[in-house]
Amino acid sequence: MTDLVASAVIDPAVLAVYLVAAGAMILSPGPDTLYVLTRSVGDGRQAGIASATGISVGVLVHTVAAVVGLSAVFRASELAFALVSYLGAGYLVFLGVRTIRDDALLREDGPETETSPFREGVFVNVLNPQVALFFLAFLPQFVDGSGHVSGQLTVLGAIYAVVTMAYLAGVAVGSSAVRRLLLTRPRLATGVRWLSGLILVGLGLRLLIGVFLG
């Protein structure tokens, strides 16, 4: 048991490089960050943190997939990759259209979104096959092949999930202040709602185009 744990330990120098690289990737704007912004501005801090938690759980799902080789299946099978791409793209477009149409999203007296931000956060992350391929290509670069590969992959994925959660929770907390500003400026709130929705739709269409061109 001790040997197994030792073989899963990552060299501190490699871990430091990994943290820098992972931090750069996490800070890059994408569907995850935009979704947390949308939910936290629209429904408040708790919804934003819940969506951030869901996305972090999605990261763990991709980690498990990478460990058991599911990501490799997506990479090898064009049909599997295309199917998950269509599902992910369609879901992003759905979220965007719903955001645009929900004129009560940023009204203080309007009802909060009924769907679970945690569950949707999981879906936003899990249904993005680019994340699966990213984990397949990114994590092995920091693994020592002479050690316990599955254990190291698990540790790296867990670290990525924790850093993701910390960053997105910060985004949610900061965005709640924006919510208070928008509640007093309805026209600005409408503009933000449309902008957020259109960006989500654009991200979904971009994913679709990537499948066609790929």
Protein backbone atom coordinates (compact mmCIF):
# COMPACT_ATOMS: atom_id res chain seq x y z
CA MET A 1 0.00 0.00 0.00
CA THR A 2 2.85 2.36 0.90
CA ASP A 3 4.59 1.63 -2.41
CA LEU A 4 1.35 2.36 -4.28
CA VAL A 5 0.94 5.73 -2.60
CA ALA A 6 4.59 6.60 -3.18
CA SER A 7 4.33 5.75 -6.87
CA ALA A 8 1.38 8.15 -7.19
CA VAL A 9 3.32 11.07 -5.67
CA ILE A 10 4.26 13.75 -8.21
CA ASP A 11 7.68 15.42 -8.19
CA PRO A 12 7.40 18.92 -6.63
CA ALA A 13 9.14 20.58 -9.58
CA VAL A 14 6.76 18.91 -12.04
CA LEU A 15 3.82 19.83 -9.84
CA ALA A 16 4.90 23.49 -9.82
CA VAL A 17 4.99 23.56 -13.62
CA TYR A 18 1.63 21.82 -13.74
CA LEU A 19 0.05 24.40 -11.44
CA VAL A 20 1.28 27.25 -13.64
CA ALA A 21 0.03 25.56 -16.82
CA ALA A 22 -3.30 24.57 -15.26
CA GLY A 23 -3.78 28.07 -13.88
CA ALA A 24 -3.26 29.57 -17.32
CA MET A 25 -5.82 27.20 -18.82
CA ILE A 26 -8.39 27.81 -16.10
CA LEU A 27 -8.06 31.60 -16.40
CA SER A 28 -8.73 31.43 -20.15
CA PRO A 29 -12.33 32.59 -20.83
CA GLY A 30 -14.65 29.79 -21.87
CA PRO A 31 -18.14 28.30 -21.42
CA ASP A 32 -17.50 27.43 -17.77
CA THR A 33 -16.56 30.97 -16.74
CA LEU A 34 -19.36 32.51 -18.77
CA TYR A 35 -21.95 30.15 -17.30
CA VAL A 36 -20.90 30.99 -13.73
CA LEU A 37 -21.03 34.70 -14.57
CA THR A 38 -24.51 34.32 -16.06
CA ARG A 39 -25.94 32.38 -13.12
CA SER A 40 -24.32 34.50 -10.41
CA VAL A 41 -25.37 37.79 -12.01
CA GLY A 42 -28.83 36.45 -12.83
CA ASP A 43 -29.66 34.48 -9.68
CA GLY A 44 -27.17 35.61 -7.06
CA ARG A 45 -24.02 34.44 -5.33
CA GLN A 46 -25.33 31.08 -4.10
CA ALA A 47 -26.42 30.06 -7.61
CA GLY A 48 -23.02 31.08 -8.96
CA ILE A 49 -21.16 29.07 -6.35
CA ALA A 50 -23.46 26.08 -6.96
CA SER A 51 -22.75 26.25 -10.70
CA ALA A 52 -19.02 26.52 -9.97
CA THR A 53 -19.28 23.40 -7.81
CA GLY A 54 -21.11 21.58 -10.61
CA ILE A 55 -18.41 22.48 -13.12
CA SER A 56 -15.72 21.26 -10.72
CA VAL A 57 -17.57 17.96 -10.39
CA GLY A 58 -17.59 17.83 -14.19
CA VAL A 59 -13.81 18.15 -14.11
CA LEU A 60 -13.67 15.11 -11.83
CA VAL A 61 -15.88 13.21 -14.29
CA HIS A 62 -13.44 13.99 -17.10
CA THR A 63 -10.58 12.90 -14.84
CA VAL A 64 -12.22 9.53 -14.25
CA ALA A 65 -12.88 9.26 -17.99
CA ALA A 66 -9.23 9.94 -18.73
CA VAL A 67 -8.12 7.36 -16.20
CA VAL A 68 -10.32 4.58 -17.58
CA GLY A 69 -9.61 5.50 -21.19
CA LEU A 70 -12.99 6.95 -22.19
CA SER A 71 -11.34 10.06 -23.60
CA ALA A 72 -9.26 7.81 -25.84
CA VAL A 73 -12.48 6.32 -27.18
CA PHE A 74 -13.73 9.78 -28.10
CA ARG A 75 -10.44 10.49 -29.79
CA ALA A 76 -10.46 7.26 -31.77
CA SER A 77 -14.15 7.28 -32.72
CA GLU A 78 -15.34 10.12 -34.92
CA LEU A 79 -18.94 9.09 -34.32
CA ALA A 80 -18.62 9.23 -30.51
CA PHE A 81 -16.80 12.56 -30.66
CA ALA A 82 -19.37 14.05 -33.06
CA LEU A 83 -22.30 12.83 -30.95
CA VAL A 84 -21.02 14.34 -27.72
CA SER A 85 -20.03 17.51 -29.60
CA TYR A 86 -23.57 17.90 -30.91
CA LEU A 87 -25.01 17.37 -27.44
CA GLY A 88 -22.65 19.89 -25.87
CA ALA A 89 -23.17 22.47 -28.62
CA GLY A 90 -26.94 22.05 -28.46
CA TYR A 91 -26.93 22.50 -24.70
CA LEU A 92 -24.91 25.71 -24.92
CA VAL A 93 -27.28 27.09 -27.55
CA PHE A 94 -30.24 26.13 -25.33
CA LEU A 95 -28.72 27.97 -22.37
CA GLY A 96 -28.07 31.03 -24.55
CA VAL A 97 -31.59 31.18 -25.96
CA ARG A 98 -33.08 30.68 -22.51
CA THR A 99 -30.95 33.51 -21.14
CA ILE A 100 -32.09 35.87 -23.91
CA ARG A 101 -35.77 35.01 -23.46
CA ASP A 102 -35.80 35.17 -19.66
CA ASP A 103 -36.70 38.82 -19.13
CA ALA A 104 -37.08 38.17 -15.38
CA LEU A 105 -33.48 36.98 -15.05
CA LEU A 106 -32.17 40.23 -13.60
CA ARG A 107 -35.33 41.64 -11.99
CA GLU A 108 -35.33 41.85 -8.24
CA ASP A 109 -39.00 40.84 -8.09
CA GLY A 110 -38.65 38.14 -10.72
CA PRO A 111 -38.52 34.43 -9.90
CA GLU A 112 -35.14 32.79 -9.77
CA THR A 113 -34.29 30.27 -12.46
CA GLU A 114 -35.94 26.98 -11.52
CA THR A 115 -33.31 24.68 -12.96
CA SER A 116 -30.49 23.55 -10.69
CA PRO A 117 -27.31 25.58 -11.29
CA PHE A 118 -25.27 22.70 -9.89
CA ARG A 119 -26.76 20.16 -12.31
CA GLU A 120 -26.43 22.48 -15.28
CA GLY A 121 -22.85 23.27 -14.29
CA VAL A 122 -22.06 19.56 -14.45
CA PHE A 123 -23.71 19.30 -17.87
CA VAL A 124 -21.92 22.35 -19.28
CA ASN A 125 -18.56 20.80 -18.43
CA VAL A 126 -19.24 17.11 -19.05
CA LEU A 127 -20.95 17.66 -22.43
CA ASN A 128 -17.94 19.52 -23.82
CA PRO A 129 -15.78 16.89 -25.60
CA GLN A 130 -13.00 19.45 -26.00
CA VAL A 131 -12.48 19.18 -22.23
CA ALA A 132 -12.20 15.39 -22.51
CA LEU A 133 -9.59 15.68 -25.25
CA PHE A 134 -7.80 18.39 -23.29
CA PHE A 135 -7.44 16.09 -20.29
CA LEU A 136 -6.27 13.27 -22.53
CA ALA A 137 -3.54 15.46 -24.04
CA PHE A 138 -2.66 17.65 -21.04
CA LEU A 139 -2.50 15.41 -17.98
CA PRO A 140 -0.12 12.73 -19.33
CA GLN A 141 2.57 15.38 -19.87
CA PHE A 142 3.03 15.57 -16.10
CA VAL A 143 2.93 11.84 -15.37
CA ASP A 144 5.97 9.71 -14.59
CA GLY A 145 5.51 6.54 -16.62
CA SER A 146 7.59 4.54 -14.15
CA GLY A 147 5.12 5.29 -11.36
CA HIS A 148 1.46 4.53 -10.80
CA VAL A 149 -0.03 6.30 -13.84
CA SER A 150 -3.69 6.05 -12.80
CA GLY A 151 -2.92 7.41 -9.35
CA GLN A 152 -0.95 10.34 -10.74
CA LEU A 153 -3.71 11.15 -13.25
CA THR A 154 -6.24 11.12 -10.44
CA VAL A 155 -4.14 13.46 -8.30
CA LEU A 156 -3.61 15.88 -11.21
CA GLY A 157 -7.29 15.88 -12.09
CA ALA A 158 -8.30 16.47 -8.48
CA ILE A 159 -5.91 19.41 -8.23
CA TYR A 160 -7.34 20.86 -11.43
CA ALA A 161 -10.86 20.52 -10.01
CA VAL A 162 -9.89 22.29 -6.76
CA VAL A 163 -8.19 25.17 -8.57
CA THR A 164 -11.17 25.45 -10.92
CA MET A 165 -13.55 25.61 -7.97
CA ALA A 166 -11.49 28.30 -6.23
CA TYR A 167 -11.34 30.47 -9.35
CA LEU A 168 -14.98 30.10 -10.36
CA ALA A 169 -16.19 30.67 -6.80
CA GLY A 170 -14.23 33.92 -6.87
CA VAL A 171 -15.93 34.80 -10.14
CA ALA A 172 -19.32 34.08 -8.57
CA VAL A 173 -18.63 36.21 -5.50
CA GLY A 174 -17.39 39.13 -7.59
CA SER A 175 -20.29 38.87 -10.01
CA SER A 176 -22.89 39.20 -7.25
CA ALA A 177 -21.77 42.80 -6.82
CA VAL A 178 -22.50 43.35 -10.52
CA ARG A 179 -25.99 41.97 -9.90
CA ARG A 180 -26.76 44.74 -7.42
CA LEU A 181 -25.66 47.32 -9.99
CA LEU A 182 -27.81 45.83 -12.74
CA LEU A 183 -30.91 45.67 -10.56
CA THR A 184 -30.94 49.46 -10.47
CA ARG A 185 -30.36 49.84 -14.24
CA PRO A 186 -32.92 47.76 -16.19
CA ARG A 187 -31.65 48.76 -19.65
CA LEU A 188 -28.11 47.78 -18.74
CA ALA A 189 -29.43 44.52 -17.33
CA THR A 190 -31.24 43.76 -20.60
CA GLY A 191 -28.07 44.45 -22.57
CA VAL A 192 -26.02 42.14 -20.35
CA ARG A 193 -28.67 39.42 -20.63
CA TRP A 194 -28.64 39.58 -24.42
CA LEU A 195 -24.86 39.74 -24.57
CA SER A 196 -24.46 36.73 -22.29
CA GLY A 197 -27.05 34.75 -24.22
CA LEU A 198 -25.53 35.55 -27.60
CA ILE A 199 -22.06 34.58 -26.38
CA LEU A 200 -23.37 31.23 -25.15
CA VAL A 201 -25.09 30.64 -28.49
CA GLY A 202 -21.88 31.66 -30.27
CA LEU A 203 -19.84 29.20 -28.23
CA GLY A 204 -22.27 26.43 -29.10
CA LEU A 205 -22.16 27.28 -32.81
CA ARG A 206 -18.37 27.47 -32.67
CA LEU A 207 -18.28 23.95 -31.24
CA LEU A 208 -20.56 22.75 -34.04
CA ILE A 209 -18.41 24.41 -36.70
CA GLY A 210 -15.33 22.81 -35.14
CA VAL A 211 -16.93 19.38 -35.58
CA PHE A 212 -17.78 20.04 -39.22
CA LEU A 213 -14.35 21.43 -40.07
CA GLY A 214 -12.55 18.78 -38.04
